[in-house]
Amino acid sequence: MTKKDSDSVPSPSGGRGARFSTAMDDAASALNASVSFDRRLLWDDVRGSQAHARMLAAVGLIAADDADKIVSGLDQVAGEFDRGERALDPALEDIHMNVESRLTALIGDAGRRLHTARSRNDQVATDLRLHALRAATAIIAGIDGARVALCRRARQHAGDLLPGYTHLQRAQAVTLGHHLLAYAEMLGRDRGRFVDAARRAAECPLGSGALAATGLPIDRQRTSDALGFRGPTRNSLDAVSDRDFAAELAFAAALMGVHLSRFGEELVLWSTTEFGFARLGEGHCSGSSLMPQKRNPDIAELLRAKPGRLIGDVVALLTISKGLTLAYNKDLQETQEPFYDAIETAQVSLAVLPRLIAGLEFKVERMKAAADDPALGATDLAEHLVSRGMPFRRAHEIVGQLVKHAEGKGVSVRDVPVADLPAIAPELSSEALGALDAVRAVNARTLVGGPAPAQVIKEVERLEAELSTLGFEI
């Protein structure tokens, strides 16, 4: 063993300092260690430490030469761990002590100066916020990618009819483009939640110390600026124990997952023989080990299932944080795994969407045939009567009587004999029944938020303009 290697071997007390003369009990150490999951913070930890070292040099707490050694040494340490050239040591508890131990082994006393005016409490809080901000940026980009895919398909199918449903019963005819844009709207709200959560996460805890800041003359604003935060946190007690940002991001991910679950459920239904509205691309289906004819919509089913774990992540984060006294408590270590899981589940769900959406084969003729069901025009017929001066409740009653009459005769409302109409209501006529035509009905709904093809194109153009400002080509 070389001297340099021996320098990195932890003391019997592990990462607990000189206060302890013996190592932690093995079982307790296994429970206490977090390096198996906080290894995700490697580069965030290095970034934070480099900014901290440069700040310490700027205010004269360490020599500039030491800061230079720390910065370059941290790059080397991160590279070694990242490339797998050096294994992380669970005996050192966490990523922070692993990095610092290896740094000190490489550069000696300069490495021991790094932790000046810093605690692992404000260090991990900073690392987690940096991780959160990177994750939010990636998720927002993923959301925008899915919105681009939806936008493209909505333009393609702006005029294709399908039934709209309430209670999973056919209700009124809409357009497929309008239907797809509904999910673009949901994702737009999701995007806003991630942006908003990231804004609150963008405060720098470094300088808060263990709980009560420091008497050393550090420059918190300098560190905050170097790391891209909006500014330093305003209360040291809160800063080291706050995990609101993790819960907020997890909630944003969970609600987005709920939206994707609705999309997945519709794809599952639409791809059944009974509906026959859509067919998933082969790259997003699986077969059966027993039944050779099967084409299972596994990816849509997984999108439907993922919110189960995302909602669990939110519940875990809130439950762990509930009832904790100020400031830091070890309980907060348990917030990391659900936080990472929420982020990574959101990312893997979003990653599949653009190609899934692009590869969908919509059975537009089957949709059109279903939308041509005359019963779907009942509301449009009532509105036609209203446009002739009739009170809506009276119009609603007349159309209800027409539907009942048609059912009694075993025909569609469109095929009720003209001779029967006066007996149902004198206001009914063959001209009025023209309002039951699905194309005519949908084309008439041109108001903002409506499903008319012309309005769908307007919404597509609005969304295209927004996405183009974000650097996307539609």
Protein backbone atom coordinates (compact mmCIF):
# COMPACT_ATOMS: atom_id res chain seq x y z
CA MET A 1 0.00 0.00 0.00
CA THR A 2 1.41 3.38 -0.97
CA LYS A 3 1.36 6.26 1.44
CA LYS A 4 -1.11 8.09 -0.76
CA ASP A 5 -3.48 5.13 -0.66
CA SER A 6 -3.09 4.72 3.10
CA ASP A 7 -4.00 8.37 3.61
CA SER A 8 -7.44 7.70 2.22
CA VAL A 9 -8.24 4.81 4.57
CA PRO A 10 -10.91 5.97 7.04
CA SER A 11 -10.26 6.07 10.74
CA PRO A 12 -12.04 3.55 12.99
CA SER A 13 -14.75 6.14 13.55
CA GLY A 14 -15.53 6.38 9.85
CA GLY A 15 -16.90 9.77 8.90
CA ARG A 16 -17.87 10.69 12.48
CA GLY A 17 -14.74 12.58 13.48
CA ALA A 18 -12.32 12.34 16.43
CA ARG A 19 -15.10 12.30 19.02
CA PHE A 20 -15.38 8.51 18.58
CA SER A 21 -12.64 5.96 19.19
CA THR A 22 -14.38 2.90 17.77
CA ALA A 23 -16.20 2.15 14.58
CA MET A 24 -19.96 2.20 14.38
CA ASP A 25 -21.70 -1.15 14.83
CA ASP A 26 -21.84 -2.95 11.47
CA ALA A 27 -25.63 -3.14 11.32
CA ALA A 28 -25.97 0.46 12.44
CA SER A 29 -23.41 1.52 9.84
CA ALA A 30 -25.38 -0.21 7.10
CA LEU A 31 -28.54 1.59 8.18
CA ASN A 32 -26.72 4.90 8.53
CA ALA A 33 -24.89 4.87 5.18
CA SER A 34 -26.37 6.78 2.26
CA VAL A 35 -23.64 6.44 -0.35
CA SER A 36 -25.61 3.78 -2.25
CA PHE A 37 -28.10 6.44 -3.30
CA ASP A 38 -26.49 9.85 -2.67
CA ARG A 39 -23.78 8.93 -5.16
CA ARG A 40 -26.13 10.70 -7.58
CA LEU A 41 -24.93 13.94 -5.99
CA LEU A 42 -21.27 13.42 -6.97
CA TRP A 43 -20.99 16.23 -9.50
CA ASP A 44 -23.34 18.50 -7.55
CA ASP A 45 -21.15 18.00 -4.49
CA VAL A 46 -18.01 18.78 -6.47
CA ARG A 47 -19.55 21.90 -8.01
CA GLY A 48 -20.63 23.15 -4.59
CA SER A 49 -17.24 22.43 -3.06
CA GLN A 50 -15.37 24.15 -5.86
CA ALA A 51 -17.50 27.28 -5.50
CA HIS A 52 -17.01 27.17 -1.74
CA ALA A 53 -13.23 26.86 -2.08
CA ARG A 54 -13.01 29.78 -4.50
CA MET A 55 -15.09 31.88 -2.13
CA LEU A 56 -12.87 30.96 0.86
CA ALA A 57 -9.85 32.12 -1.13
CA ALA A 58 -11.57 35.33 -2.23
CA VAL A 59 -12.29 36.35 1.37
CA GLY A 60 -8.81 35.32 2.57
CA LEU A 61 -9.76 32.31 4.66
CA ILE A 62 -7.56 29.99 2.61
CA ALA A 63 -4.68 30.65 0.23
CA ALA A 64 -5.39 31.01 -3.47
CA ASP A 65 -2.94 28.20 -4.17
CA ASP A 66 -4.87 25.90 -1.84
CA ALA A 67 -8.12 26.81 -3.60
CA ASP A 68 -6.54 25.96 -6.95
CA LYS A 69 -5.38 22.59 -5.64
CA ILE A 70 -8.85 21.91 -4.25
CA VAL A 71 -10.61 22.80 -7.49
CA SER A 72 -8.36 20.69 -9.70
CA GLY A 73 -8.22 17.88 -7.15
CA LEU A 74 -12.01 17.71 -7.00
CA ASP A 75 -12.16 17.30 -10.77
CA GLN A 76 -9.79 14.38 -10.48
CA VAL A 77 -11.71 12.82 -7.59
CA ALA A 78 -15.05 13.12 -9.40
CA GLY A 79 -13.55 11.62 -12.53
CA GLU A 80 -12.17 8.64 -10.65
CA PHE A 81 -15.49 7.88 -8.98
CA ASP A 82 -17.54 8.62 -12.09
CA ARG A 83 -15.48 6.34 -14.31
CA GLY A 84 -15.47 3.57 -11.71
CA GLU A 85 -11.71 3.74 -11.24
CA ARG A 86 -12.22 4.07 -7.50
CA ALA A 87 -15.02 2.55 -5.49
CA LEU A 88 -17.05 4.57 -3.03
CA ASP A 89 -16.54 3.44 0.55
CA PRO A 90 -19.75 2.81 2.56
CA ALA A 91 -17.70 3.18 5.76
CA LEU A 92 -17.42 6.88 4.98
CA GLU A 93 -21.23 7.08 5.09
CA ASP A 94 -21.96 9.40 2.20
CA ILE A 95 -20.73 10.92 -1.03
CA HIS A 96 -19.49 14.06 0.75
CA MET A 97 -17.04 12.24 3.03
CA ASN A 98 -15.91 9.98 0.18
CA VAL A 99 -15.05 13.00 -1.94
CA GLU A 100 -13.33 14.88 0.86
CA SER A 101 -11.37 11.82 2.02
CA ARG A 102 -10.06 11.10 -1.46
CA LEU A 103 -9.30 14.79 -2.06
CA THR A 104 -7.23 14.97 1.11
CA ALA A 105 -5.37 11.83 0.10
CA LEU A 106 -4.49 13.50 -3.21
CA ILE A 107 -3.58 17.05 -2.12
CA GLY A 108 -2.88 16.82 1.61
CA ASP A 109 -3.55 19.73 3.97
CA ALA A 110 -5.17 21.86 1.28
CA GLY A 111 -7.98 19.30 1.21
CA ARG A 112 -8.43 19.61 4.96
CA ARG A 113 -9.14 23.32 4.52
CA LEU A 114 -12.14 22.75 2.24
CA HIS A 115 -14.66 22.23 5.03
CA THR A 116 -13.91 25.63 6.58
CA ALA A 117 -17.17 27.45 7.43
CA ARG A 118 -19.27 24.54 6.17
CA SER A 119 -21.25 21.63 7.62
CA ARG A 120 -22.48 18.52 5.90
CA ASN A 121 -25.94 19.88 6.74
CA ASP A 122 -25.71 22.93 4.50
CA GLN A 123 -23.55 20.98 2.06
CA VAL A 124 -26.15 18.28 1.38
CA ALA A 125 -28.95 20.83 1.28
CA THR A 126 -27.03 22.68 -1.42
CA ASP A 127 -26.22 19.51 -3.34
CA LEU A 128 -29.86 18.45 -3.31
CA ARG A 129 -31.02 21.82 -4.59
CA LEU A 130 -28.44 21.73 -7.39
CA HIS A 131 -29.66 18.25 -8.26
CA ALA A 132 -33.26 19.46 -8.16
CA LEU A 133 -32.54 22.35 -10.50
CA ARG A 134 -30.75 20.12 -13.01
CA ALA A 135 -33.59 17.61 -12.85
CA ALA A 136 -36.26 20.28 -13.28
CA THR A 137 -34.46 21.60 -16.37
CA ALA A 138 -34.31 18.10 -17.87
CA ILE A 139 -37.94 17.35 -17.05
CA ILE A 140 -39.12 20.64 -18.53
CA ALA A 141 -37.25 19.81 -21.73
CA GLY A 142 -38.91 16.38 -21.73
CA ILE A 143 -42.34 17.94 -21.30
CA ASP A 144 -41.68 20.28 -24.20
CA GLY A 145 -40.59 17.35 -26.36
CA ALA A 146 -43.90 15.60 -25.66
CA ARG A 147 -45.83 18.79 -26.42
CA VAL A 148 -44.05 19.07 -29.76
CA ALA A 149 -45.10 15.51 -30.62
CA LEU A 150 -48.71 16.20 -29.62
CA CYS A 151 -48.71 19.44 -31.58
CA ARG A 152 -47.56 17.68 -34.75
CA ARG A 153 -50.22 14.98 -34.50
CA ALA A 154 -52.93 17.52 -33.62
CA ARG A 155 -52.21 19.46 -36.82
CA GLN A 156 -52.27 16.23 -38.80
CA HIS A 157 -55.67 15.26 -37.37
CA ALA A 158 -57.25 18.69 -36.92
CA GLY A 159 -60.35 17.72 -38.88
CA ASP A 160 -60.73 14.02 -38.07
CA LEU A 161 -63.87 13.31 -36.06
CA LEU A 162 -64.24 11.00 -33.07
CA PRO A 163 -66.72 10.75 -30.22
CA GLY A 164 -66.06 12.73 -27.09
CA TYR A 165 -67.03 10.91 -23.93
CA THR A 166 -68.39 11.63 -20.49
CA HIS A 167 -68.75 8.72 -18.05
CA LEU A 168 -67.11 6.73 -20.87
CA GLN A 169 -70.41 7.07 -22.75
CA ARG A 170 -70.54 8.73 -26.15
CA ALA A 171 -71.46 12.37 -25.60
CA GLN A 172 -70.67 14.76 -28.49
CA ALA A 173 -68.51 14.63 -31.59
CA VAL A 174 -65.10 16.32 -31.34
CA THR A 175 -61.92 16.23 -33.39
CA LEU A 176 -58.90 14.07 -32.78
CA GLY A 177 -56.68 17.15 -32.96
CA HIS A 178 -58.71 18.76 -30.18
CA HIS A 179 -58.46 15.59 -28.11
CA LEU A 180 -54.67 15.45 -28.45
CA LEU A 181 -54.33 19.13 -27.57
CA ALA A 182 -56.09 18.43 -24.27
CA TYR A 183 -52.98 16.51 -23.21
CA ALA A 184 -50.77 19.33 -24.45
CA GLU A 185 -52.73 21.62 -22.12
CA MET A 186 -52.17 19.29 -19.17
CA LEU A 187 -48.47 19.11 -19.90
CA GLY A 188 -48.34 22.88 -20.19
CA ARG A 189 -49.65 23.18 -16.64
CA ASP A 190 -47.16 20.53 -15.52
CA ARG A 191 -44.39 22.57 -17.09
CA GLY A 192 -45.49 25.62 -15.11
CA ARG A 193 -45.41 23.66 -11.86
CA PHE A 194 -41.83 22.51 -12.47
CA VAL A 195 -40.77 26.05 -13.38
CA ASP A 196 -42.41 27.38 -10.24
CA ALA A 197 -40.93 24.69 -8.00
CA ALA A 198 -37.48 25.28 -9.49
CA ARG A 199 -37.75 28.99 -8.77
CA ARG A 200 -38.26 28.29 -5.08
CA ALA A 201 -35.50 25.68 -5.06
CA ALA A 202 -33.02 28.20 -6.46
CA GLU A 203 -31.75 29.53 -3.13
CA CYS A 204 -28.32 28.60 -1.82
CA PRO A 205 -28.03 27.11 1.70
CA LEU A 206 -24.20 27.21 1.82
CA GLY A 207 -23.12 29.34 4.73
CA SER A 208 -25.93 28.15 7.00
CA GLY A 209 -23.50 25.78 8.72
CA ALA A 210 -24.90 23.01 10.84
CA LEU A 211 -27.83 25.21 11.89
CA ALA A 212 -26.53 28.58 13.11
CA ALA A 213 -24.38 29.91 10.23
CA THR A 214 -20.76 30.88 10.98
CA GLY A 215 -18.78 33.70 12.56
CA LEU A 216 -16.15 33.52 9.81
CA PRO A 217 -16.29 36.30 7.18
CA ILE A 218 -17.57 34.28 4.24
CA ASP A 219 -19.37 35.74 1.21
CA ARG A 220 -22.61 33.85 0.73
CA GLN A 221 -23.69 35.92 -2.25
CA ARG A 222 -20.49 35.07 -4.10
CA THR A 223 -21.05 31.35 -3.61
CA SER A 224 -24.69 31.63 -4.57
CA ASP A 225 -23.86 33.52 -7.77
CA ALA A 226 -21.14 31.04 -8.70
CA LEU A 227 -23.60 28.16 -8.46
CA GLY A 228 -26.36 29.90 -10.40
CA PHE A 229 -28.79 30.37 -7.51
CA ARG A 230 -31.07 33.40 -7.24
CA GLY A 231 -29.56 34.23 -3.87
CA PRO A 232 -28.73 32.79 -0.44
CA THR A 233 -31.35 31.33 1.85
CA ARG A 234 -32.57 33.76 4.52
CA ASN A 235 -32.68 31.61 7.65
CA SER A 236 -30.01 29.11 8.64
CA LEU A 237 -32.33 26.95 10.77
CA ASP A 238 -34.79 26.57 7.93
CA ALA A 239 -32.15 26.19 5.22
CA VAL A 240 -30.56 23.02 6.57
CA SER A 241 -33.87 21.31 7.37
CA ASP A 242 -35.99 22.41 4.41
CA ARG A 243 -36.99 19.72 1.92
CA ASP A 244 -40.03 21.55 0.58
CA PHE A 245 -38.37 21.79 -2.82
CA ALA A 246 -38.11 17.99 -2.98
CA ALA A 247 -41.76 17.53 -2.05
CA GLU A 248 -42.83 20.17 -4.57
CA LEU A 249 -40.91 18.59 -7.41
CA ALA A 250 -42.21 15.16 -6.46
CA PHE A 251 -45.77 16.49 -6.42
CA ALA A 252 -45.28 18.10 -9.83
CA ALA A 253 -43.98 14.76 -11.07
CA ALA A 254 -46.91 12.89 -9.53
CA LEU A 255 -49.53 15.16 -11.07
CA MET A 256 -47.78 14.93 -14.42
CA GLY A 257 -47.81 11.17 -13.98
CA VAL A 258 -51.56 11.29 -13.40
CA HIS A 259 -51.94 13.12 -16.71
CA LEU A 260 -49.77 10.59 -18.52
CA SER A 261 -51.75 7.83 -16.85
CA ARG A 262 -54.95 9.18 -18.38
CA PHE A 263 -53.26 9.20 -21.77
CA GLY A 264 -52.04 5.65 -21.22
CA GLU A 265 -55.52 4.49 -20.22
CA GLU A 266 -57.04 5.94 -23.38
CA LEU A 267 -54.41 4.26 -25.52
CA VAL A 268 -55.15 0.95 -23.80
CA LEU A 269 -58.86 1.37 -24.51
CA TRP A 270 -58.44 2.72 -28.02
CA SER A 271 -56.16 -0.15 -29.02
CA THR A 272 -58.70 -2.81 -28.05
CA THR A 273 -60.65 -4.62 -30.75
CA GLU A 274 -63.82 -3.25 -29.16
CA PHE A 275 -62.76 0.38 -29.72
CA GLY A 276 -60.33 -0.06 -32.59
CA PHE A 277 -59.44 3.66 -32.62
CA ALA A 278 -55.66 3.35 -32.46
CA ARG A 279 -52.74 1.00 -32.81
CA LEU A 280 -49.45 1.42 -30.97
CA GLY A 281 -46.23 1.07 -32.93
CA GLU A 282 -44.48 -2.25 -32.63
CA GLY A 283 -41.65 -0.61 -30.72
CA HIS A 284 -44.06 0.18 -27.90
CA CYS A 285 -45.86 -3.17 -27.64
CA SER A 286 -45.04 -6.67 -26.48
CA GLY A 287 -46.25 -10.12 -27.34
CA SER A 288 -47.40 -13.03 -25.25
CA SER A 289 -45.31 -16.02 -24.23
CA LEU A 290 -48.36 -18.22 -24.82
CA MET A 291 -50.70 -16.50 -27.30
CA PRO A 292 -48.92 -15.75 -30.57
CA GLN A 293 -51.57 -13.34 -31.83
CA LYS A 294 -51.25 -10.87 -28.95
CA ARG A 295 -50.05 -7.27 -29.35
CA ASN A 296 -50.09 -5.88 -25.82
CA PRO A 297 -49.92 -2.12 -25.12
CA ASP A 298 -47.35 -2.57 -22.34
CA ILE A 299 -45.89 0.93 -22.53
CA ALA A 300 -49.32 2.54 -22.26
CA GLU A 301 -50.07 0.29 -19.29
CA LEU A 302 -46.83 1.30 -17.59
CA LEU A 303 -47.66 4.98 -18.11
CA ARG A 304 -50.96 4.20 -16.41
CA ALA A 305 -49.19 2.52 -13.48
CA LYS A 306 -46.26 4.86 -12.80
CA PRO A 307 -48.28 7.42 -10.79
CA GLY A 308 -48.72 4.76 -8.12
CA ARG A 309 -45.08 5.04 -7.16
CA LEU A 310 -44.94 8.80 -7.79
CA ILE A 311 -47.82 9.42 -5.41
CA GLY A 312 -46.06 7.14 -2.92
CA ASP A 313 -42.93 9.26 -3.24
CA VAL A 314 -44.89 12.40 -2.35
CA VAL A 315 -46.50 10.70 0.64
CA ALA A 316 -43.09 9.46 1.83
CA LEU A 317 -41.52 12.92 1.55
CA LEU A 318 -44.34 14.59 3.44
CA THR A 319 -44.49 11.89 6.10
CA ILE A 320 -40.75 11.93 6.75
CA SER A 321 -40.72 15.71 7.13
CA LYS A 322 -43.86 15.81 9.29
CA GLY A 323 -43.24 16.68 12.92
CA LEU A 324 -39.47 17.18 12.73
CA THR A 325 -38.05 19.75 15.08
CA LEU A 326 -35.64 22.40 13.81
CA ALA A 327 -33.05 22.05 12.51
CA TYR A 328 -31.38 19.05 10.85
CA ASN A 329 -32.42 15.52 11.83
CA LYS A 330 -31.07 12.29 10.36
CA ASP A 331 -34.63 11.49 9.27
CA LEU A 332 -34.03 13.86 6.37
CA GLN A 333 -31.62 11.38 4.83
CA GLU A 334 -34.69 9.26 4.09
CA THR A 335 -36.11 12.00 1.84
CA GLN A 336 -33.43 11.37 -0.74
CA GLU A 337 -34.58 8.05 -2.16
CA PRO A 338 -38.21 9.07 -2.85
CA PHE A 339 -36.90 12.36 -4.24
CA TYR A 340 -34.59 10.60 -6.68
CA ASP A 341 -37.26 8.06 -7.54
CA ALA A 342 -39.79 10.79 -8.39
CA ILE A 343 -37.29 12.55 -10.63
CA GLU A 344 -36.13 9.41 -12.41
CA THR A 345 -39.62 8.00 -12.85
CA ALA A 346 -40.75 11.29 -14.38
CA GLN A 347 -37.77 11.33 -16.72
CA VAL A 348 -38.18 7.75 -17.95
CA SER A 349 -41.90 8.32 -18.53
CA LEU A 350 -41.29 11.49 -20.53
CA ALA A 351 -38.48 9.92 -22.55
CA VAL A 352 -40.85 7.40 -24.13
CA LEU A 353 -43.52 9.88 -25.18
CA PRO A 354 -42.26 11.59 -28.36
CA ARG A 355 -41.69 8.36 -30.29
CA LEU A 356 -44.77 6.72 -28.76
CA ILE A 357 -46.96 9.60 -29.94
CA ALA A 358 -45.27 9.82 -33.34
CA GLY A 359 -45.74 6.09 -33.89
CA LEU A 360 -49.45 5.94 -33.08
CA GLU A 361 -51.61 4.75 -35.95
CA PHE A 362 -55.04 6.33 -35.59
CA LYS A 363 -57.95 4.51 -37.22
CA VAL A 364 -59.65 7.69 -38.39
CA GLU A 365 -62.38 5.96 -40.39
CA ARG A 366 -63.39 3.90 -37.37
CA MET A 367 -63.40 7.06 -35.25
CA LYS A 368 -65.46 8.92 -37.85
CA ALA A 369 -68.02 6.12 -38.02
CA ALA A 370 -68.41 6.18 -34.24
CA ALA A 371 -68.71 9.98 -34.24
CA ASP A 372 -71.44 9.77 -36.88
CA ASP A 373 -73.80 8.26 -34.30
CA PRO A 374 -76.76 10.68 -34.56
CA ALA A 375 -77.32 10.57 -30.80
CA LEU A 376 -74.10 12.58 -30.40
CA GLY A 377 -75.86 15.52 -32.06
CA ALA A 378 -78.63 15.74 -29.46
CA THR A 379 -77.09 18.76 -27.76
CA ASP A 380 -76.46 20.39 -31.13
CA LEU A 381 -80.11 19.93 -32.03
CA ALA A 382 -81.14 21.53 -28.73
CA GLU A 383 -78.83 24.46 -29.45
CA HIS A 384 -80.32 24.77 -32.95
CA LEU A 385 -83.75 25.15 -31.36
CA VAL A 386 -82.34 27.68 -28.91
CA SER A 387 -80.98 29.67 -31.86
CA ARG A 388 -84.60 29.89 -33.08
CA GLY A 389 -85.67 31.54 -29.83
CA MET A 390 -86.66 28.54 -27.72
CA PRO A 391 -85.72 28.41 -24.01
CA PHE A 392 -82.96 25.85 -23.49
CA ARG A 393 -84.90 23.78 -20.95
CA ARG A 394 -87.78 23.44 -23.41
CA ALA A 395 -85.33 22.50 -26.18
CA HIS A 396 -83.69 19.94 -23.90
CA GLU A 397 -87.11 18.43 -23.15
CA ILE A 398 -88.07 18.20 -26.84
CA VAL A 399 -84.84 16.50 -27.85
CA GLY A 400 -85.22 14.07 -24.95
CA GLN A 401 -88.71 13.20 -26.24
CA LEU A 402 -87.29 12.72 -29.73
CA VAL A 403 -84.62 10.32 -28.42
CA LYS A 404 -87.23 8.38 -26.46
CA HIS A 405 -89.47 8.16 -29.54
CA ALA A 406 -86.57 6.94 -31.68
CA GLU A 407 -85.66 4.26 -29.16
CA GLY A 408 -89.27 3.10 -29.08
CA LYS A 409 -89.26 2.71 -32.85
CA GLY A 410 -85.84 1.09 -32.89
CA VAL A 411 -84.33 3.74 -35.17
CA SER A 412 -81.75 6.48 -34.77
CA VAL A 413 -82.93 10.01 -34.03
CA ARG A 414 -81.86 10.98 -37.55
CA ASP A 415 -84.23 8.36 -39.01
CA VAL A 416 -87.40 9.26 -37.14
CA PRO A 417 -90.09 9.63 -39.82
CA VAL A 418 -90.83 13.25 -40.67
CA ALA A 419 -94.53 12.50 -40.23
CA ASP A 420 -93.88 11.68 -36.55
CA LEU A 421 -92.16 14.99 -35.74
CA PRO A 422 -95.20 17.26 -35.19
CA ALA A 423 -96.58 14.84 -32.62
CA ILE A 424 -93.32 15.03 -30.68
CA ALA A 425 -93.06 18.81 -30.88
CA PRO A 426 -94.37 21.28 -33.49
CA GLU A 427 -90.98 22.99 -33.56
CA LEU A 428 -89.28 19.89 -34.96
CA SER A 429 -88.72 19.61 -38.70
CA SER A 430 -86.54 17.75 -41.16
CA GLU A 431 -84.48 20.96 -41.43
CA ALA A 432 -83.94 20.96 -37.67
CA LEU A 433 -82.74 17.35 -37.79
CA GLY A 434 -79.89 18.55 -40.01
CA ALA A 435 -78.26 19.77 -36.80
CA LEU A 436 -77.56 16.13 -36.00
CA ASP A 437 -74.85 16.00 -38.68
CA ALA A 438 -71.51 15.52 -36.89
CA VAL A 439 -69.37 17.50 -39.35
CA ARG A 440 -71.76 20.43 -39.30
CA ALA A 441 -71.99 20.34 -35.52
CA VAL A 442 -68.23 20.24 -34.93
CA ASN A 443 -67.48 22.91 -37.53
CA ALA A 444 -69.87 25.25 -35.72
CA ARG A 445 -67.93 25.11 -32.44
CA THR A 446 -65.32 27.70 -33.39
CA LEU A 447 -65.15 29.56 -30.11
CA VAL A 448 -61.89 29.65 -28.15
CA GLY A 449 -61.36 26.22 -26.63
CA GLY A 450 -63.70 24.53 -29.09
CA PRO A 451 -63.05 21.45 -31.24
CA ALA A 452 -63.73 22.90 -34.70
CA PRO A 453 -60.91 22.16 -37.14
CA ALA A 454 -60.29 25.86 -37.70
CA GLN A 455 -59.96 26.42 -33.95
CA VAL A 456 -57.68 23.39 -33.58
CA ILE A 457 -55.35 24.89 -36.18
CA LYS A 458 -55.34 28.19 -34.30
CA GLU A 459 -54.39 26.38 -31.09
CA VAL A 460 -51.70 24.41 -32.87
CA GLU A 461 -50.25 27.64 -34.25
CA ARG A 462 -50.32 29.23 -30.81
CA LEU A 463 -48.51 26.25 -29.32
CA GLU A 464 -46.06 26.13 -32.21
CA ALA A 465 -45.19 29.78 -31.62
CA GLU A 466 -44.58 29.14 -27.92
CA LEU A 467 -42.44 26.10 -28.58
CA SER A 468 -40.45 27.82 -31.30
CA THR A 469 -39.37 30.48 -28.79
CA LEU A 470 -37.97 27.60 -26.72
CA GLY A 471 -35.86 26.42 -29.65
CA PHE A 472 -38.09 23.64 -31.00
CA GLU A 473 -38.86 23.13 -34.67
CA ILE A 474 -42.35 21.80 -35.25
